[in-house]
C-alpha cells in the first residue's frame, strides 16, 4: 500500500494523551506502523553516564501509531484523510480529501 504519511508531513494526533496536538513527522517506521512526531508522545528516560553524555533524566520523543495520526489539511490545518490521484503528466500525488488541496509538491 502507498504511504499516506511521509517524513516532513504536518500531522495532527487523533487519540491518546496528546490528542489535538500537531507536529512534523521526523521519522516513519513502516515495519512497525509507527512514526516519530516532533513534540508529541514525549517520554522520560533515565540515562546512564557515558563519555559524551551526562547522567540524568532525558526527555525523548517516542514513536506513535500511524492509526492515531492524520495529515493536517494544507488549507486550514484540520485533520484530513488522504487520497491519491494521477496527474496529466503521469505523476501520482497525494491530496487532502477535506479540501481537495494537493499535498505533494
Protein backbone atom coordinates (compact mmCIF):
# COMPACT_ATOMS: atom_id res chain seq x y z
CA UNK A 1 0.00 0.00 0.00
CA UNK A 2 1.24 3.51 -0.78
CA UNK A 3 2.48 5.59 2.13
CA UNK A 4 -0.12 8.12 3.25
CA UNK A 5 2.14 9.72 5.87
CA UNK A 6 5.73 10.56 4.98
CA UNK A 7 8.71 12.22 6.65
CA UNK A 8 8.28 16.00 6.77
CA UNK A 9 4.45 15.96 6.75
CA UNK A 10 2.49 18.10 9.21
CA UNK A 11 0.19 15.77 11.18
CA UNK A 12 -2.47 16.02 13.90
CA UNK A 13 -2.85 13.46 16.72
CA UNK A 14 -6.38 12.00 16.79
CA UNK A 15 -6.38 9.99 20.04
CA UNK A 16 -4.39 9.47 23.22
CA UNK A 17 -2.94 11.85 25.77
CA UNK A 18 -1.61 14.16 23.02
CA UNK A 19 -4.98 14.43 21.23
CA UNK A 20 -5.28 17.63 19.18
CA UNK A 21 -1.55 18.38 19.15
CA UNK A 22 0.24 18.72 15.85
CA UNK A 23 3.82 18.46 14.69
CA UNK A 24 6.12 17.46 11.89
CA UNK A 25 6.97 13.82 11.17
CA UNK A 26 10.67 13.23 11.89
CA UNK A 27 10.77 9.52 11.03
CA UNK A 28 8.41 6.82 9.76
CA UNK A 29 8.88 3.17 10.77
CA UNK A 30 6.78 1.25 8.21
CA UNK A 31 7.62 -2.23 9.54
CA UNK A 32 6.10 -1.33 12.93
CA UNK A 33 3.41 1.01 11.55
CA UNK A 34 4.64 3.87 13.69
CA UNK A 35 6.06 7.38 13.28
CA UNK A 36 8.09 9.78 15.40
CA UNK A 37 6.43 13.22 15.55
CA UNK A 38 8.19 16.35 16.81
CA UNK A 39 6.91 17.41 20.27
CA UNK A 40 4.37 14.58 20.55
CA UNK A 41 4.44 11.47 22.81
CA UNK A 42 7.28 12.75 24.98
CA UNK A 43 8.64 10.21 27.48
CA UNK A 44 11.25 10.49 30.22
CA UNK A 45 14.12 8.02 30.21
CA UNK A 46 16.86 7.50 32.80
CA UNK A 47 20.24 7.88 31.10
CA UNK A 48 23.46 6.32 32.35
CA UNK A 49 26.55 8.49 32.09
CA UNK A 50 28.81 7.94 29.09
CA UNK A 51 31.85 9.75 27.75
CA UNK A 52 29.72 12.08 25.66
CA UNK A 53 26.53 12.33 27.72
CA UNK A 54 25.86 13.24 31.31
CA UNK A 55 23.70 11.07 33.57
CA UNK A 56 20.16 12.11 34.40
CA UNK A 57 16.57 12.00 33.21
CA UNK A 58 16.26 12.72 29.48
CA UNK A 59 13.05 13.63 27.63
CA UNK A 60 12.70 11.87 24.26
CA UNK A 61 10.02 11.64 21.58
CA UNK A 62 8.68 8.10 21.32
CA UNK A 63 7.05 6.60 18.22
CA UNK A 64 3.25 6.87 17.92
CA UNK A 65 0.99 4.52 15.93
CA UNK A 66 0.10 5.68 12.41
CA UNK A 67 -3.59 4.95 13.06
CA UNK A 68 -3.59 7.75 15.67
CA UNK A 69 -2.29 10.34 13.18
CA UNK A 70 -3.94 12.28 10.37
CA UNK A 71 -2.42 14.66 7.84
CA UNK A 72 -3.13 18.34 8.55
CA UNK A 73 -5.08 19.94 5.69
CA UNK A 74 -2.81 22.44 3.85
CA UNK A 75 -5.69 24.97 3.73
CA UNK A 76 -6.88 25.13 7.37
CA UNK A 77 -4.71 22.73 9.41
CA UNK A 78 -7.62 20.44 10.37
CA UNK A 79 -7.13 16.64 10.24
CA UNK A 80 -7.99 15.12 6.87
CA UNK A 81 -7.93 11.81 5.08
CA UNK A 82 -5.53 11.29 2.18
CA UNK A 83 -6.38 10.29 -1.37
CA UNK A 84 -4.25 9.59 -4.42
CA UNK A 85 -4.68 10.84 -7.96
CA UNK A 86 -2.63 10.66 -11.12
CA UNK A 87 -1.93 13.95 -12.86
CA UNK A 88 -1.89 14.52 -16.64
CA UNK A 89 1.91 14.24 -16.71
CA UNK A 90 1.70 10.76 -15.10
CA UNK A 91 2.80 11.67 -11.56
CA UNK A 92 0.95 10.07 -8.64
CA UNK A 93 0.29 12.67 -5.93
CA UNK A 94 -1.46 12.78 -2.56
CA UNK A 95 -4.36 15.16 -1.95
CA UNK A 96 -6.44 16.16 1.08
CA UNK A 97 -9.94 14.71 0.83
CA UNK A 98 -11.30 17.52 3.01
CA UNK A 99 -10.39 20.41 0.69
CA UNK A 100 -9.11 18.71 -2.45
CA UNK A 101 -5.80 20.54 -2.00
CA UNK A 102 -2.65 18.78 -3.28
CA UNK A 103 -0.23 17.69 -0.51
CA UNK A 104 2.82 16.72 -2.59
CA UNK A 105 4.76 19.49 -4.31
